[in-house]
């Protein structure tokens, strides 16, 4: 299931890896300040929700799909309900 969600461009990573993000690719890396600001805003959103894993779209901005939880397979299933 995680492979299926990855085919849509989403990532599921441990929270510590997510919190270490310095920028997002939402604007193709053309505006590093904006990419860093989007990553910071996305991390602020994620901080409101518990869970050991985070599902997010690295190509989106700070308003992209974001799910947090303890089961990567469940995060994948939930994300697919938004896509399908």
PDB file of N, CA and C in Angstrom:
ATOM      1  N   UNK A   1       0.819  -1.198   0.000  1.00  0.00           N
ATOM      2  CA  UNK A   1       0.000   0.000   0.000  1.00  0.00           C
ATOM      3  C   UNK A   1       0.865   1.265   0.000  1.00  0.00           C
ATOM      4  N   UNK A   2       1.964   1.252   0.763  1.00  0.00           N
ATOM      5  CA  UNK A   2       2.841   2.427   0.789  1.00  0.00           C
ATOM      6  C   UNK A   2       3.424   2.698  -0.589  1.00  0.00           C
ATOM      7  N   UNK A   3       3.702   1.617  -1.325  1.00  0.00           N
ATOM      8  CA  UNK A   3       4.227   1.786  -2.681  1.00  0.00           C
ATOM      9  C   UNK A   3       3.181   2.461  -3.567  1.00  0.00           C
ATOM     10  N   UNK A   4       1.905   2.089  -3.387  1.00  0.00           N
ATOM     11  CA  UNK A   4       0.846   2.682  -4.193  1.00  0.00           C
ATOM     12  C   UNK A   4       0.740   4.184  -3.935  1.00  0.00           C
ATOM     13  N   UNK A   5       0.806   4.586  -2.685  1.00  0.00           N
ATOM     14  CA  UNK A   5       0.699   6.011  -2.374  1.00  0.00           C
ATOM     15  C   UNK A   5       1.929   6.765  -2.876  1.00  0.00           C
ATOM     16  N   UNK A   6       3.082   6.106  -2.872  1.00  0.00           N
ATOM     17  CA  UNK A   6       4.302   6.729  -3.395  1.00  0.00           C
ATOM     18  C   UNK A   6       4.180   7.005  -4.884  1.00  0.00           C
ATOM     19  N   UNK A   7       3.400   6.185  -5.592  1.00  0.00           N
ATOM     20  CA  UNK A   7       3.226   6.407  -7.030  1.00  0.00           C
ATOM     21  C   UNK A   7       2.472   7.706  -7.309  1.00  0.00           C
ATOM     22  N   UNK A   8       1.777   8.233  -6.321  1.00  0.00           N
ATOM     23  CA  UNK A   8       1.101   9.528  -6.435  1.00  0.00           C
ATOM     24  C   UNK A   8       2.001  10.685  -5.989  1.00  0.00           C
ATOM     25  N   UNK A   9       3.212  10.363  -5.565  1.00  0.00           N
ATOM     26  CA  UNK A   9       4.164  11.401  -5.174  1.00  0.00           C
ATOM     27  C   UNK A   9       4.216  11.703  -3.679  1.00  0.00           C
ATOM     28  N   UNK A  10       3.447  10.977  -2.887  1.00  0.00           N
ATOM     29  CA  UNK A  10       3.432  11.206  -1.445  1.00  0.00           C
ATOM     30  C   UNK A  10       4.555  10.449  -0.763  1.00  0.00           C
ATOM     31  N   UNK A  11       4.977  10.929   0.385  1.00  0.00           N
ATOM     32  CA  UNK A  11       6.005  10.275   1.197  1.00  0.00           C
ATOM     33  C   UNK A  11       5.411   9.929   2.553  1.00  0.00           C
ATOM     34  N   UNK A  12       5.795   8.778   3.065  1.00  0.00           N
ATOM     35  CA  UNK A  12       5.490   8.421   4.447  1.00  0.00           C
ATOM     36  C   UNK A  12       6.836   8.236   5.128  1.00  0.00           C
ATOM     37  N   UNK A  13       7.083   9.038   6.140  1.00  0.00           N
ATOM     38  CA  UNK A  13       8.381   9.004   6.817  1.00  0.00           C
ATOM     39  C   UNK A  13       8.175   9.029   8.329  1.00  0.00           C
ATOM     40  N   UNK A  14       9.159   8.529   9.068  1.00  0.00           N
ATOM     41  CA  UNK A  14       9.089   8.684  10.525  1.00  0.00           C
ATOM     42  C   UNK A  14       9.054  10.174  10.883  1.00  0.00           C
ATOM     43  N   UNK A  15       8.362  10.480  11.958  1.00  0.00           N
ATOM     44  CA  UNK A  15       8.196  11.883  12.349  1.00  0.00           C
ATOM     45  C   UNK A  15       9.541  12.606  12.495  1.00  0.00           C
ATOM     46  N   UNK A  16      10.528  11.936  13.053  1.00  0.00           N
ATOM     47  CA  UNK A  16      11.839  12.593  13.233  1.00  0.00           C
ATOM     48  C   UNK A  16      12.433  13.004  11.895  1.00  0.00           C
ATOM     49  N   UNK A  17      12.269  12.169  10.885  1.00  0.00           N
ATOM     50  CA  UNK A  17      12.773  12.516   9.543  1.00  0.00           C
ATOM     51  C   UNK A  17      11.992  13.697   8.976  1.00  0.00           C
ATOM     52  N   UNK A  18      10.676  13.697   9.181  1.00  0.00           N
ATOM     53  CA  UNK A  18       9.835  14.796   8.714  1.00  0.00           C
ATOM     54  C   UNK A  18      10.231  16.104   9.392  1.00  0.00           C
ATOM     55  N   UNK A  19      10.453  16.047  10.703  1.00  0.00           N
ATOM     56  CA  UNK A  19      10.801  17.263  11.444  1.00  0.00           C
ATOM     57  C   UNK A  19      12.172  17.804  11.060  1.00  0.00           C
ATOM     58  N   UNK A  20      12.998  16.975  10.443  1.00  0.00           N
ATOM     59  CA  UNK A  20      14.322  17.417   9.998  1.00  0.00           C
ATOM     60  C   UNK A  20      14.280  18.083   8.619  1.00  0.00           C
ATOM     61  N   UNK A  21      13.114  18.081   7.960  1.00  0.00           N
ATOM     62  CA  UNK A  21      12.998  18.727   6.644  1.00  0.00           C
ATOM     63  C   UNK A  21      13.391  20.194   6.727  1.00  0.00           C
ATOM     64  N   UNK A  22      14.150  20.626   5.766  1.00  0.00           N
ATOM     65  CA  UNK A  22      14.512  22.045   5.725  1.00  0.00           C
ATOM     66  C   UNK A  22      13.716  22.812   4.688  1.00  0.00           C
ATOM     67  N   UNK A  23      13.250  22.116   3.631  1.00  0.00           N
ATOM     68  CA  UNK A  23      12.445  22.798   2.623  1.00  0.00           C
ATOM     69  C   UNK A  23      11.574  21.788   1.886  1.00  0.00           C
ATOM     70  N   UNK A  24      10.591  22.306   1.163  1.00  0.00           N
ATOM     71  CA  UNK A  24       9.725  21.498   0.308  1.00  0.00           C
ATOM     72  C   UNK A  24      10.028  21.843  -1.137  1.00  0.00           C
ATOM     73  N   UNK A  25       9.628  20.976  -2.032  1.00  0.00           N
ATOM     74  CA  UNK A  25       9.866  21.197  -3.456  1.00  0.00           C
ATOM     75  C   UNK A  25       8.659  21.820  -4.145  1.00  0.00           C
ATOM     76  N   UNK A  26       7.747  22.390  -3.388  1.00  0.00           N
ATOM     77  CA  UNK A  26       6.496  22.891  -3.932  1.00  0.00           C
ATOM     78  C   UNK A  26       6.638  23.883  -5.061  1.00  0.00           C
ATOM     79  N   UNK A  27       7.739  24.585  -5.090  1.00  0.00           N
ATOM     80  CA  UNK A  27       7.949  25.551  -6.158  1.00  0.00           C
ATOM     81  C   UNK A  27       9.196  25.198  -6.959  1.00  0.00           C
ATOM     82  N   UNK A  28       9.468  23.905  -7.028  1.00  0.00           N
ATOM     83  CA  UNK A  28      10.572  23.422  -7.839  1.00  0.00           C
ATOM     84  C   UNK A  28      11.933  23.862  -7.359  1.00  0.00           C
ATOM     85  N   UNK A  29      12.038  24.265  -6.119  1.00  0.00           N
ATOM     86  CA  UNK A  29      13.310  24.707  -5.584  1.00  0.00           C
ATOM     87  C   UNK A  29      13.755  26.054  -6.130  1.00  0.00           C
ATOM     88  N   UNK A  30      12.871  26.734  -6.858  1.00  0.00           N
ATOM     89  CA  UNK A  30      13.245  28.005  -7.475  1.00  0.00           C
ATOM     90  C   UNK A  30      13.236  29.154  -6.482  1.00  0.00           C
ATOM     91  N   UNK A  31      12.497  28.986  -5.407  1.00  0.00           N
ATOM     92  CA  UNK A  31      12.428  30.026  -4.383  1.00  0.00           C
ATOM     93  C   UNK A  31      12.723  29.378  -3.049  1.00  0.00           C
ATOM     94  N   UNK A  32      13.980  29.268  -2.689  1.00  0.00           N
ATOM     95  CA  UNK A  32      14.373  28.551  -1.487  1.00  0.00           C
ATOM     96  C   UNK A  32      13.742  29.114  -0.227  1.00  0.00           C
ATOM     97  N   UNK A  33      13.598  30.438  -0.140  1.00  0.00           N
ATOM     98  CA  UNK A  33      12.985  31.028   1.047  1.00  0.00           C
ATOM     99  C   UNK A  33      11.541  30.569   1.194  1.00  0.00           C
ATOM    100  N   UNK A  34      10.804  30.536   0.087  1.00  0.00           N
ATOM    101  CA  UNK A  34       9.420  30.093   0.132  1.00  0.00           C
ATOM    102  C   UNK A  34       9.343  28.607   0.445  1.00  0.00           C
ATOM    103  N   UNK A  35      10.225  27.793  -0.126  1.00  0.00           N
ATOM    104  CA  UNK A  35      10.240  26.359   0.157  1.00  0.00           C
ATOM    105  C   UNK A  35      10.530  26.100   1.633  1.00  0.00           C
ATOM    106  N   UNK A  36      11.441  26.858   2.221  1.00  0.00           N
ATOM    107  CA  UNK A  36      11.736  26.716   3.654  1.00  0.00           C
ATOM    108  C   UNK A  36      10.549  27.168   4.503  1.00  0.00           C
ATOM    109  N   UNK A  37       9.901  28.241   4.105  1.00  0.00           N
ATOM    110  CA  UNK A  37       8.731  28.733   4.842  1.00  0.00           C
ATOM    111  C   UNK A  37       7.597  27.716   4.771  1.00  0.00           C
ATOM    112  N   UNK A  38       7.397  27.111   3.616  1.00  0.00           N
ATOM    113  CA  UNK A  38       6.358  26.092   3.476  1.00  0.00           C
ATOM    114  C   UNK A  38       6.661  24.882   4.347  1.00  0.00           C
ATOM    115  N   UNK A  39       7.909  24.464   4.413  1.00  0.00           N
ATOM    116  CA  UNK A  39       8.286  23.327   5.257  1.00  0.00           C
ATOM    117  C   UNK A  39       8.027  23.657   6.722  1.00  0.00           C
ATOM    118  N   UNK A  40       8.365  24.855   7.139  1.00  0.00           N
ATOM    119  CA  UNK A  40       8.141  25.261   8.528  1.00  0.00           C
ATOM    120  C   UNK A  40       6.644  25.266   8.853  1.00  0.00           C
ATOM    121  N   UNK A  41       5.832  25.795   7.938  1.00  0.00           N
ATOM    122  CA  UNK A  41       4.389  25.842   8.162  1.00  0.00           C
ATOM    123  C   UNK A  41       3.794  24.435   8.186  1.00  0.00           C
ATOM    124  N   UNK A  42       4.281  23.549   7.330  1.00  0.00           N
ATOM    125  CA  UNK A  42       3.790  22.175   7.311  1.00  0.00           C
ATOM    126  C   UNK A  42       4.166  21.454   8.604  1.00  0.00           C
ATOM    127  N   UNK A  43       5.366  21.695   9.093  1.00  0.00           N
ATOM    128  CA  UNK A  43       5.781  21.094  10.368  1.00  0.00           C
ATOM    129  C   UNK A  43       4.923  21.630  11.518  1.00  0.00           C
ATOM    130  N   UNK A  44       4.551  22.903  11.469  1.00  0.00           N
ATOM    131  CA  UNK A  44       3.663  23.462  12.493  1.00  0.00           C
ATOM    132  C   UNK A  44       2.308  22.764  12.470  1.00  0.00           C
ATOM    133  N   UNK A  45       1.778  22.510  11.268  1.00  0.00           N
ATOM    134  CA  UNK A  45       0.510  21.779  11.146  1.00  0.00           C
ATOM    135  C   UNK A  45       0.644  20.385  11.730  1.00  0.00           C
ATOM    136  N   UNK A  46       1.722  19.684  11.408  1.00  0.00           N
ATOM    137  CA  UNK A  46       1.917  18.309  11.869  1.00  0.00           C
ATOM    138  C   UNK A  46       2.057  18.235  13.383  1.00  0.00           C
ATOM    139  N   UNK A  47       2.600  19.271  13.991  1.00  0.00           N
ATOM    140  CA  UNK A  47       2.817  19.272  15.436  1.00  0.00           C
ATOM    141  C   UNK A  47       1.510  19.176  16.217  1.00  0.00           C
ATOM    142  N   UNK A  48       0.397  19.518  15.587  1.00  0.00           N
ATOM    143  CA  UNK A  48      -0.908  19.477  16.254  1.00  0.00           C
ATOM    144  C   UNK A  48      -1.459  18.063  16.371  1.00  0.00           C
ATOM    145  N   UNK A  49      -0.871  17.111  15.636  1.00  0.00           N
ATOM    146  CA  UNK A  49      -1.420  15.755  15.567  1.00  0.00           C
ATOM    147  C   UNK A  49      -0.401  14.734  16.056  1.00  0.00           C
ATOM    148  N   UNK A  50      -0.860  13.739  16.818  1.00  0.00           N
ATOM    149  CA  UNK A  50       0.064  12.712  17.309  1.00  0.00           C
ATOM    150  C   UNK A  50       0.383  11.689  16.222  1.00  0.00           C
ATOM    151  N   UNK A  51       1.419  10.926  16.453  1.00  0.00           N
ATOM    152  CA  UNK A  51       1.756   9.828  15.559  1.00  0.00           C
ATOM    153  C   UNK A  51       3.231   9.750  15.276  1.00  0.00           C
ATOM    154  N   UNK A  52       3.688   8.541  15.073  1.00  0.00           N
ATOM    155  CA  UNK A  52       5.105   8.290  14.822  1.00  0.00           C
ATOM    156  C   UNK A  52       5.485   8.480  13.362  1.00  0.00           C
ATOM    157  N   UNK A  53       4.478   8.559  12.458  1.00  0.00           N
ATOM    158  CA  UNK A  53       4.733   8.704  11.028  1.00  0.00           C
ATOM    159  C   UNK A  53       3.952   9.876  10.466  1.00  0.00           C
ATOM    160  N   UNK A  54       4.480  10.428   9.384  1.00  0.00           N
ATOM    161  CA  UNK A  54       3.823  11.551   8.707  1.00  0.00           C
ATOM    162  C   UNK A  54       3.757  11.239   7.219  1.00  0.00           C
ATOM    163  N   UNK A  55       2.580  11.410   6.643  1.00  0.00           N
ATOM    164  CA  UNK A  55       2.389  11.298   5.196  1.00  0.00           C
ATOM    165  C   UNK A  55       2.206  12.713   4.678  1.00  0.00           C
ATOM    166  N   UNK A  56       2.978  13.064   3.651  1.00  0.00           N
ATOM    167  CA  UNK A  56       2.881  14.421   3.087  1.00  0.00           C
ATOM    168  C   UNK A  56       3.270  14.391   1.621  1.00  0.00           C
ATOM    169  N   UNK A  57       2.978  15.471   0.936  1.00  0.00           N
ATOM    170  CA  UNK A  57       3.325  15.632  -0.472  1.00  0.00           C
ATOM    171  C   UNK A  57       4.509  16.591  -0.566  1.00  0.00           C
ATOM    172  N   UNK A  58       5.703  16.083  -0.875  1.00  0.00           N
ATOM    173  CA  UNK A  58       6.875  16.958  -0.924  1.00  0.00           C
ATOM    174  C   UNK A  58       6.838  17.978  -2.062  1.00  0.00           C
ATOM    175  N   UNK A  59       5.937  17.776  -3.027  1.00  0.00           N
ATOM    176  CA  UNK A  59       5.842  18.710  -4.151  1.00  0.00           C
ATOM    177  C   UNK A  59       4.760  19.765  -3.931  1.00  0.00           C
ATOM    178  N   UNK A  60       4.117  19.732  -2.778  1.00  0.00           N
ATOM    179  CA  UNK A  60       3.050  20.692  -2.504  1.00  0.00           C
ATOM    180  C   UNK A  60       3.570  21.842  -1.654  1.00  0.00           C
ATOM    181  N   UNK A  61       2.694  22.770  -1.402  1.00  0.00           N
ATOM    182  CA  UNK A  61       3.055  23.847  -0.490  1.00  0.00           C
ATOM    183  C   UNK A  61       2.596  23.475   0.912  1.00  0.00           C
ATOM    184  N   UNK A  62       2.533  24.443   1.800  1.00  0.00           N
ATOM    185  CA  UNK A  62       2.186  24.156   3.194  1.00  0.00           C
ATOM    186  C   UNK A  62       0.728  23.772   3.393  1.00  0.00           C
ATOM    187  N   UNK A  63      -0.092  23.857   2.364  1.00  0.00           N
ATOM    188  CA  UNK A  63      -1.494  23.464   2.468  1.00  0.00           C
ATOM    189  C   UNK A  63      -1.758  22.107   1.826  1.00  0.00           C
ATOM    190  N   UNK A  64      -0.699  21.395   1.478  1.00  0.00           N
ATOM    191  CA  UNK A  64      -0.850  20.079   0.858  1.00  0.00           C
ATOM    192  C   UNK A  64      -1.363  19.041   1.846  1.00  0.00           C
ATOM    193  N   UNK A  65      -1.695  17.866   1.320  1.00  0.00           N
ATOM    194  CA  UNK A  65      -2.195  16.774   2.143  1.00  0.00           C
ATOM    195  C   UNK A  65      -1.171  16.415   3.209  1.00  0.00           C
ATOM    196  N   UNK A  66      -1.637  16.283   4.431  1.00  0.00           N
ATOM    197  CA  UNK A  66      -0.784  15.944   5.570  1.00  0.00           C
ATOM    198  C   UNK A  66      -1.582  15.049   6.497  1.00  0.00           C
ATOM    199  N   UNK A  67      -1.055  13.865   6.769  1.00  0.00           N
ATOM    200  CA  UNK A  67      -1.680  12.941   7.713  1.00  0.00           C
ATOM    201  C   UNK A  67      -0.622  12.453   8.687  1.00  0.00           C
ATOM    202  N   UNK A  68      -1.001  12.295   9.944  1.00  0.00           N
ATOM    203  CA  UNK A  68      -0.090  11.800  10.976  1.00  0.00           C
ATOM    204  C   UNK A  68      -0.733  10.596  11.651  1.00  0.00           C
ATOM    205  N   UNK A  69       0.091   9.620  12.018  1.00  0.00           N
ATOM    206  CA  UNK A  69      -0.423   8.453  12.711  1.00  0.00           C
ATOM    207  C   UNK A  69       0.677   7.462  13.017  1.00  0.00           C
ATOM    208  N   UNK A  70       0.290   6.364  13.651  1.00  0.00           N
ATOM    209  CA  UNK A  70       1.267   5.362  14.056  1.00  0.00           C
ATOM    210  C   UNK A  70       1.381   4.190  13.087  1.00  0.00           C
ATOM    211  N   UNK A  71       0.464   4.089  12.127  1.00  0.00           N
ATOM    212  CA  UNK A  71       0.443   2.957  11.196  1.00  0.00           C
ATOM    213  C   UNK A  71       0.586   3.455   9.758  1.00  0.00           C
ATOM    214  N   UNK A  72       1.749   3.250   9.139  1.00  0.00           N
ATOM    215  CA  UNK A  72       1.945   3.726   7.764  1.00  0.00           C
ATOM    216  C   UNK A  72       0.919   3.168   6.774  1.00  0.00           C
ATOM    217  N   UNK A  73       0.508   1.924   6.959  1.00  0.00           N
ATOM    218  CA  UNK A  73      -0.486   1.333   6.049  1.00  0.00           C
ATOM    219  C   UNK A  73      -1.824   2.051   6.179  1.00  0.00           C
ATOM    220  N   UNK A  74      -2.203   2.396   7.392  1.00  0.00           N
ATOM    221  CA  UNK A  74      -3.452   3.129   7.604  1.00  0.00           C
ATOM    222  C   UNK A  74      -3.366   4.534   7.010  1.00  0.00           C
ATOM    223  N   UNK A  75      -2.228   5.177   7.142  1.00  0.00           N
ATOM    224  CA  UNK A  75      -2.052   6.491   6.522  1.00  0.00           C
ATOM    225  C   UNK A  75      -2.208   6.401   5.010  1.00  0.00           C
ATOM    226  N   UNK A  76      -1.655   5.359   4.415  1.00  0.00           N
ATOM    227  CA  UNK A  76      -1.784   5.157   2.970  1.00  0.00           C
ATOM    228  C   UNK A  76      -3.241   4.965   2.575  1.00  0.00           C
ATOM    229  N   UNK A  77      -3.946   4.114   3.312  1.00  0.00           N
ATOM    230  CA  UNK A  77      -5.370   3.883   3.006  1.00  0.00           C
ATOM    231  C   UNK A  77      -6.165   5.173   3.111  1.00  0.00           C
ATOM    232  N   UNK A  78      -5.914   5.942   4.156  1.00  0.00           N
ATOM    233  CA  UNK A  78      -6.633   7.203   4.355  1.00  0.00           C
ATOM    234  C   UNK A  78      -6.331   8.182   3.214  1.00  0.00           C
ATOM    235  N   UNK A  79      -5.082   8.298   2.830  1.00  0.00           N
ATOM    236  CA  UNK A  79      -4.711   9.217   1.745  1.00  0.00           C
ATOM    237  C   UNK A  79      -5.372   8.805   0.433  1.00  0.00           C
ATOM    238  N   UNK A  80      -5.457   7.511   0.191  1.00  0.00           N
ATOM    239  CA  UNK A  80      -6.075   7.050  -1.051  1.00  0.00           C
ATOM    240  C   UNK A  80      -7.551   7.409  -1.120  1.00  0.00           C
ATOM    241  N   UNK A  81      -8.218   7.572   0.025  1.00  0.00           N
ATOM    242  CA  UNK A  81      -9.623   7.989   0.004  1.00  0.00           C
ATOM    243  C   UNK A  81      -9.750   9.423  -0.516  1.00  0.00           C
ATOM    244  N   UNK A  82      -8.728  10.236  -0.310  1.00  0.00           N
ATOM    245  CA  UNK A  82      -8.733  11.606  -0.830  1.00  0.00           C
ATOM    246  C   UNK A  82      -8.455  11.633  -2.329  1.00  0.00           C
ATOM    247  N   UNK A  83      -7.685  10.654  -2.792  1.00  0.00           N
ATOM    248  CA  UNK A  83      -7.248  10.634  -4.187  1.00  0.00           C
ATOM    249  C   UNK A  83      -8.266   9.963  -5.100  1.00  0.00           C
ATOM    250  N   UNK A  84      -8.787   8.841  -4.653  1.00  0.00           N
ATOM    251  CA  UNK A  84      -9.701   8.053  -5.506  1.00  0.00           C
ATOM    252  C   UNK A  84     -11.110   8.587  -5.510  1.00  0.00           C
TER     253      UNK A  84
END
